Amino acid sequence: QVQLVESGGGLVQTGDSLRLSCAASGLAFNTYHVGWFRQAPGKEREFVAALSRGGPTYYTTSVKGRFTISRDNAKMTVYLQMNSLKPEDTAVYYCAISTAALGTNLERTIVYDYWGQGTQVTVSS
């Protein structure tokens, strides 16, 4: 049984940093692409960052230079380091795992097979 468990969310002020973690179990973690998405109240879930099993990283424009996605295959964990947080970053953040082929567009929710339960990030102004 595949499980993804996020942690690390919280309430912070503008300019602060947070590191989200997503611990995976029940799968061969190193063979999967990993991604982070977020969903603000009243909005659709949107892509934040992805790390292909082949190595390349991808970020949505609004977080480039502020967020960093990384993975520790030995710990079966994916991280999202978030710096210089802004109120518009407030959302529930979800990690996800994809078995898609190399070269797949990892910005689409449909390519992900497994999702975590989400962790709330709130940035106050």
N, C-alpha and C. Protein backbone atom coordinates (compact mmCIF):
# COMPACT_ATOMS: atom_id res chain seq x y z
N GLN A 1 0.84 -1.19 0.00
CA GLN A 1 0.00 0.00 0.00
C GLN A 1 0.87 1.24 0.00
N VAL A 2 0.66 2.08 -1.00
CA VAL A 2 1.45 3.30 -1.12
C VAL A 2 0.87 4.38 -0.19
N GLN A 3 1.78 5.02 0.53
CA GLN A 3 1.38 6.14 1.38
C GLN A 3 2.34 7.29 1.22
N LEU A 4 1.79 8.48 1.18
CA LEU A 4 2.57 9.71 1.16
C LEU A 4 2.08 10.57 2.32
N VAL A 5 3.00 10.99 3.17
CA VAL A 5 2.62 11.76 4.35
C VAL A 5 3.42 13.05 4.37
N GLU A 6 2.72 14.17 4.21
CA GLU A 6 3.38 15.48 4.24
C GLU A 6 3.48 15.98 5.67
N SER A 7 4.47 16.84 5.89
CA SER A 7 4.63 17.52 7.16
C SER A 7 5.41 18.80 6.93
N GLY A 8 5.42 19.66 7.94
CA GLY A 8 6.23 20.86 7.87
C GLY A 8 5.47 22.15 7.62
N GLY A 9 4.17 22.05 7.39
CA GLY A 9 3.40 23.26 7.17
C GLY A 9 3.23 24.05 8.46
N GLY A 10 2.67 25.24 8.32
CA GLY A 10 2.44 26.06 9.50
C GLY A 10 2.08 27.48 9.15
N LEU A 11 2.04 28.32 10.18
CA LEU A 11 1.73 29.74 10.03
C LEU A 11 3.03 30.53 10.18
N VAL A 12 3.37 31.29 9.15
CA VAL A 12 4.59 32.08 9.16
C VAL A 12 4.28 33.49 8.67
N GLN A 13 5.27 34.36 8.79
CA GLN A 13 5.12 35.73 8.31
C GLN A 13 5.78 35.90 6.95
N THR A 14 5.40 36.95 6.28
CA THR A 14 6.00 37.27 4.98
C THR A 14 7.51 37.33 5.12
N GLY A 15 8.20 36.66 4.19
CA GLY A 15 9.65 36.64 4.19
C GLY A 15 10.27 35.46 4.91
N ASP A 16 9.48 34.74 5.66
CA ASP A 16 9.98 33.56 6.40
C ASP A 16 10.19 32.38 5.46
N SER A 17 10.74 31.31 6.03
CA SER A 17 10.99 30.09 5.29
C SER A 17 10.30 28.90 5.96
N LEU A 18 10.00 27.91 5.17
CA LEU A 18 9.48 26.63 5.65
C LEU A 18 10.06 25.54 4.77
N ARG A 19 10.21 24.35 5.36
CA ARG A 19 10.58 23.19 4.57
C ARG A 19 9.51 22.12 4.75
N LEU A 20 8.88 21.79 3.65
CA LEU A 20 7.90 20.72 3.66
C LEU A 20 8.59 19.40 3.37
N SER A 21 8.10 18.35 4.00
CA SER A 21 8.61 17.01 3.76
C SER A 21 7.45 16.11 3.36
N CYS A 22 7.78 15.11 2.56
CA CYS A 22 6.79 14.13 2.15
C CYS A 22 7.45 12.76 2.21
N ALA A 23 7.04 11.97 3.18
CA ALA A 23 7.62 10.64 3.37
C ALA A 23 6.77 9.61 2.64
N ALA A 24 7.44 8.81 1.82
CA ALA A 24 6.75 7.80 1.02
C ALA A 24 7.01 6.41 1.58
N SER A 25 6.07 5.53 1.36
CA SER A 25 6.23 4.12 1.73
C SER A 25 5.43 3.28 0.77
N GLY A 26 5.86 2.03 0.64
CA GLY A 26 5.11 1.09 -0.18
C GLY A 26 5.38 1.13 -1.66
N LEU A 27 6.50 1.73 -2.05
CA LEU A 27 6.83 1.81 -3.47
C LEU A 27 8.34 1.93 -3.65
N ALA A 28 8.78 1.65 -4.87
CA ALA A 28 10.20 1.82 -5.22
C ALA A 28 10.43 3.29 -5.52
N PHE A 29 10.65 4.07 -4.48
CA PHE A 29 10.62 5.52 -4.54
C PHE A 29 11.53 6.09 -5.61
N ASN A 30 12.71 5.53 -5.76
CA ASN A 30 13.69 6.12 -6.67
C ASN A 30 13.32 5.98 -8.14
N THR A 31 12.29 5.22 -8.44
CA THR A 31 11.89 5.03 -9.84
C THR A 31 10.74 5.96 -10.24
N TYR A 32 10.33 6.84 -9.35
CA TYR A 32 9.18 7.71 -9.59
C TYR A 32 9.59 9.18 -9.74
N HIS A 33 8.81 9.90 -10.51
CA HIS A 33 8.90 11.36 -10.48
C HIS A 33 8.15 11.84 -9.23
N VAL A 34 8.56 12.99 -8.70
CA VAL A 34 7.88 13.55 -7.53
C VAL A 34 7.48 14.99 -7.83
N GLY A 35 6.38 15.40 -7.24
CA GLY A 35 5.91 16.77 -7.49
C GLY A 35 5.23 17.36 -6.27
N TRP A 36 5.16 18.67 -6.25
CA TRP A 36 4.40 19.41 -5.24
C TRP A 36 3.37 20.28 -5.95
N PHE A 37 2.18 20.26 -5.41
CA PHE A 37 1.09 21.09 -5.89
C PHE A 37 0.51 21.85 -4.70
N ARG A 38 -0.30 22.85 -4.98
CA ARG A 38 -0.96 23.57 -3.90
C ARG A 38 -2.36 23.98 -4.33
N GLN A 39 -3.19 24.17 -3.34
CA GLN A 39 -4.57 24.57 -3.61
C GLN A 39 -5.01 25.59 -2.57
N ALA A 40 -5.32 26.77 -3.05
CA ALA A 40 -5.83 27.83 -2.19
C ALA A 40 -7.36 27.75 -2.16
N PRO A 41 -7.99 28.30 -1.13
CA PRO A 41 -9.46 28.26 -1.04
C PRO A 41 -10.11 28.85 -2.28
N GLY A 42 -11.05 28.11 -2.85
CA GLY A 42 -11.78 28.60 -4.01
C GLY A 42 -11.04 28.51 -5.33
N LYS A 43 -9.85 27.93 -5.31
CA LYS A 43 -9.05 27.84 -6.53
C LYS A 43 -8.75 26.38 -6.86
N GLU A 44 -8.36 26.15 -8.10
CA GLU A 44 -7.98 24.82 -8.52
C GLU A 44 -6.58 24.48 -8.00
N ARG A 45 -6.33 23.18 -7.89
CA ARG A 45 -5.00 22.74 -7.52
C ARG A 45 -4.02 23.13 -8.62
N GLU A 46 -2.88 23.69 -8.21
CA GLU A 46 -1.92 24.16 -9.20
C GLU A 46 -0.54 23.57 -8.95
N PHE A 47 0.19 23.46 -10.03
CA PHE A 47 1.55 22.93 -9.99
C PHE A 47 2.48 23.92 -9.29
N VAL A 48 3.39 23.37 -8.48
CA VAL A 48 4.41 24.19 -7.83
C VAL A 48 5.80 23.79 -8.31
N ALA A 49 6.13 22.52 -8.17
CA ALA A 49 7.48 22.07 -8.52
C ALA A 49 7.46 20.57 -8.77
N ALA A 50 8.42 20.10 -9.57
CA ALA A 50 8.54 18.68 -9.83
C ALA A 50 10.01 18.33 -10.01
N LEU A 51 10.30 17.09 -9.68
CA LEU A 51 11.66 16.56 -9.84
C LEU A 51 11.54 15.23 -10.55
N SER A 52 12.03 15.20 -11.77
CA SER A 52 11.97 13.98 -12.56
C SER A 52 12.91 12.93 -12.00
N ARG A 53 12.55 11.68 -12.16
CA ARG A 53 13.47 10.62 -11.72
C ARG A 53 14.75 10.66 -12.52
N GLY A 54 14.70 11.33 -13.66
CA GLY A 54 15.90 11.49 -14.47
C GLY A 54 16.77 12.65 -14.04
N GLY A 55 16.27 13.47 -13.10
CA GLY A 55 17.10 14.54 -12.57
C GLY A 55 16.61 15.95 -12.75
N PRO A 56 16.02 16.33 -13.89
CA PRO A 56 15.61 17.73 -14.08
C PRO A 56 14.54 18.16 -13.08
N THR A 57 14.60 19.45 -12.75
CA THR A 57 13.58 20.05 -11.89
C THR A 57 12.77 21.06 -12.69
N TYR A 58 11.56 21.28 -12.24
CA TYR A 58 10.64 22.19 -12.90
C TYR A 58 9.92 22.99 -11.82
N TYR A 59 9.70 24.26 -12.10
CA TYR A 59 9.03 25.14 -11.15
C TYR A 59 8.03 26.02 -11.87
N THR A 60 6.94 26.33 -11.18
CA THR A 60 6.06 27.34 -11.72
C THR A 60 6.74 28.70 -11.58
N THR A 61 6.41 29.60 -12.45
CA THR A 61 7.12 30.86 -12.53
C THR A 61 7.13 31.63 -11.20
N SER A 62 6.02 31.59 -10.50
CA SER A 62 5.88 32.41 -9.30
C SER A 62 6.78 31.97 -8.15
N VAL A 63 7.34 30.76 -8.22
CA VAL A 63 8.18 30.30 -7.12
C VAL A 63 9.64 30.14 -7.51
N LYS A 64 9.96 30.34 -8.77
CA LYS A 64 11.34 30.21 -9.22
C LYS A 64 12.25 31.15 -8.44
N GLY A 65 13.36 30.60 -7.97
CA GLY A 65 14.30 31.40 -7.20
C GLY A 65 13.98 31.45 -5.72
N ARG A 66 12.79 31.01 -5.33
CA ARG A 66 12.41 31.01 -3.92
C ARG A 66 12.23 29.60 -3.36
N PHE A 67 11.72 28.69 -4.17
CA PHE A 67 11.44 27.32 -3.74
C PHE A 67 12.44 26.37 -4.37
N THR A 68 12.77 25.31 -3.64
CA THR A 68 13.66 24.27 -4.16
C THR A 68 13.09 22.90 -3.82
N ILE A 69 12.94 22.07 -4.83
CA ILE A 69 12.49 20.70 -4.62
C ILE A 69 13.70 19.79 -4.61
N SER A 70 13.68 18.82 -3.72
CA SER A 70 14.78 17.87 -3.64
C SER A 70 14.24 16.54 -3.12
N ARG A 71 15.06 15.51 -3.22
CA ARG A 71 14.64 14.20 -2.75
C ARG A 71 15.80 13.48 -2.11
N ASP A 72 15.47 12.63 -1.17
CA ASP A 72 16.45 11.74 -0.55
C ASP A 72 15.91 10.33 -0.76
N ASN A 73 16.47 9.64 -1.75
CA ASN A 73 15.93 8.32 -2.08
C ASN A 73 16.14 7.32 -0.95
N ALA A 74 17.23 7.46 -0.23
CA ALA A 74 17.49 6.54 0.88
C ALA A 74 16.43 6.68 1.97
N LYS A 75 15.96 7.90 2.17
CA LYS A 75 14.92 8.16 3.18
C LYS A 75 13.52 8.12 2.57
N MET A 76 13.45 7.93 1.26
CA MET A 76 12.17 7.90 0.55
C MET A 76 11.36 9.15 0.88
N THR A 77 12.02 10.28 0.80
CA THR A 77 11.40 11.54 1.18
C THR A 77 11.68 12.60 0.12
N VAL A 78 10.68 13.39 -0.16
CA VAL A 78 10.83 14.55 -1.04
C VAL A 78 10.60 15.80 -0.21
N TYR A 79 11.35 16.83 -0.51
CA TYR A 79 11.31 18.08 0.24
C TYR A 79 10.93 19.25 -0.66
N LEU A 80 10.36 20.25 -0.04
CA LEU A 80 10.14 21.53 -0.72
C LEU A 80 10.61 22.62 0.22
N GLN A 81 11.76 23.18 -0.08
CA GLN A 81 12.28 24.30 0.70
C GLN A 81 11.67 25.58 0.14
N MET A 82 11.00 26.31 1.00
CA MET A 82 10.29 27.51 0.57
C MET A 82 10.87 28.71 1.31
N ASN A 83 11.48 29.61 0.57
CA ASN A 83 12.08 30.82 1.13
C ASN A 83 11.32 32.06 0.66
N SER A 84 11.52 33.15 1.36
CA SER A 84 10.90 34.43 0.99
C SER A 84 9.40 34.26 0.74
N LEU A 85 8.74 33.63 1.67
CA LEU A 85 7.32 33.33 1.50
C LEU A 85 6.48 34.60 1.43
N LYS A 86 5.43 34.52 0.63
CA LYS A 86 4.52 35.63 0.42
C LYS A 86 3.11 35.21 0.79
N PRO A 87 2.24 36.14 1.08
CA PRO A 87 0.83 35.78 1.40
C PRO A 87 0.18 34.97 0.28
N GLU A 88 0.55 35.22 -0.96
CA GLU A 88 -0.05 34.47 -2.07
C GLU A 88 0.42 33.03 -2.14
N ASP A 89 1.38 32.65 -1.31
CA ASP A 89 1.79 31.25 -1.22
C ASP A 89 0.89 30.46 -0.29
N THR A 90 -0.01 31.13 0.39
CA THR A 90 -0.92 30.45 1.31
C THR A 90 -1.80 29.45 0.58
N ALA A 91 -1.77 28.20 1.04
CA ALA A 91 -2.52 27.13 0.38
C ALA A 91 -2.29 25.83 1.15
N VAL A 92 -3.04 24.82 0.77
CA VAL A 92 -2.72 23.45 1.19
C VAL A 92 -1.76 22.88 0.16
N TYR A 93 -0.65 22.37 0.63
CA TYR A 93 0.38 21.83 -0.26
C TYR A 93 0.31 20.30 -0.25
N TYR A 94 0.36 19.74 -1.46
CA TYR A 94 0.26 18.30 -1.64
C TYR A 94 1.51 17.79 -2.36
N CYS A 95 2.01 16.65 -1.91
CA CYS A 95 3.05 15.98 -2.69
C CYS A 95 2.39 14.87 -3.50
N ALA A 96 3.06 14.49 -4.56
CA ALA A 96 2.50 13.48 -5.46
C ALA A 96 3.62 12.71 -6.13
N ILE A 97 3.28 11.51 -6.55
CA ILE A 97 4.23 10.59 -7.17
C ILE A 97 3.68 10.17 -8.53
N SER A 98 4.57 10.12 -9.51
CA SER A 98 4.16 9.75 -10.86
C SER A 98 5.02 8.62 -11.41
N THR A 99 4.34 7.69 -12.10
CA THR A 99 5.04 6.59 -12.78
C THR A 99 5.20 6.87 -14.27
N ALA A 100 4.91 8.08 -14.69
CA ALA A 100 4.90 8.41 -16.12
C ALA A 100 6.27 8.23 -16.74
N ALA A 101 6.28 8.13 -18.05
CA ALA A 101 7.53 7.98 -18.78
C ALA A 101 8.38 9.24 -18.70
N LEU A 102 9.67 9.07 -18.89
CA LEU A 102 10.56 10.22 -18.94
C LEU A 102 10.11 11.14 -20.06
N GLY A 103 10.17 12.44 -19.81
CA GLY A 103 9.77 13.40 -20.81
C GLY A 103 8.32 13.84 -20.70
N THR A 104 7.56 13.19 -19.81
CA THR A 104 6.17 13.59 -19.59
C THR A 104 6.10 14.97 -18.94
N ASN A 105 5.10 15.73 -19.32
CA ASN A 105 4.88 17.03 -18.69
C ASN A 105 4.42 16.81 -17.25
N LEU A 106 5.27 17.12 -16.29
CA LEU A 106 4.99 16.86 -14.89
C LEU A 106 4.19 17.98 -14.23
N GLU A 107 3.76 18.96 -14.99
CA GLU A 107 2.97 20.05 -14.43
C GLU A 107 1.49 19.73 -14.36
N ARG A 108 1.09 18.61 -14.92
CA ARG A 108 -0.33 18.26 -14.96
C ARG A 108 -0.66 17.29 -13.84
N THR A 109 -1.75 17.56 -13.13
CA THR A 109 -2.15 16.69 -12.02
C THR A 109 -2.48 15.29 -12.50
N ILE A 110 -2.96 15.16 -13.72
CA ILE A 110 -3.43 13.87 -14.21
C ILE A 110 -2.32 12.84 -14.34
N VAL A 111 -1.08 13.26 -14.41
CA VAL A 111 0.01 12.29 -14.60
C VAL A 111 0.47 11.67 -13.29
N TYR A 112 -0.08 12.13 -12.19
CA TYR A 112 0.35 11.64 -10.88
C TYR A 112 -0.57 10.52 -10.40
N ASP A 113 0.06 9.49 -9.84
CA ASP A 113 -0.67 8.29 -9.44
C ASP A 113 -1.05 8.28 -7.97
N TYR A 114 -0.24 8.91 -7.16
CA TYR A 114 -0.47 8.87 -5.71
C TYR A 114 -0.32 10.29 -5.14
N TRP A 115 -1.15 10.58 -4.15
CA TRP A 115 -1.17 11.90 -3.54
C TRP A 115 -1.14 11.79 -2.02
N GLY A 116 -0.51 12.77 -1.39
CA GLY A 116 -0.57 12.88 0.05
C GLY A 116 -1.85 13.58 0.48
N GLN A 117 -2.00 13.74 1.80
CA GLN A 117 -3.23 14.30 2.34
C GLN A 117 -3.19 15.82 2.42
N GLY A 118 -2.01 16.38 2.24
CA GLY A 118 -1.87 17.83 2.24
C GLY A 118 -1.42 18.39 3.57
N THR A 119 -0.73 19.52 3.51
CA THR A 119 -0.32 20.23 4.71
C THR A 119 -0.56 21.73 4.47
N GLN A 120 -1.11 22.39 5.48
CA GLN A 120 -1.50 23.80 5.32
C GLN A 120 -0.30 24.71 5.53
N VAL A 121 -0.14 25.64 4.61
CA VAL A 121 0.86 26.70 4.74
C VAL A 121 0.10 28.03 4.71
N THR A 122 0.29 28.82 5.75
CA THR A 122 -0.36 30.12 5.83
C THR A 122 0.71 31.18 6.04
N VAL A 123 0.73 32.17 5.16
CA VAL A 123 1.71 33.24 5.24
C VAL A 123 0.96 34.54 5.55
N SER A 124 1.25 35.12 6.69
CA SER A 124 0.58 36.35 7.08
C SER A 124 1.37 37.56 6.58
N SER A 125 0.64 38.62 6.31
CA SER A 125 1.29 39.84 5.80
C SER A 125 1.71 40.76 6.92
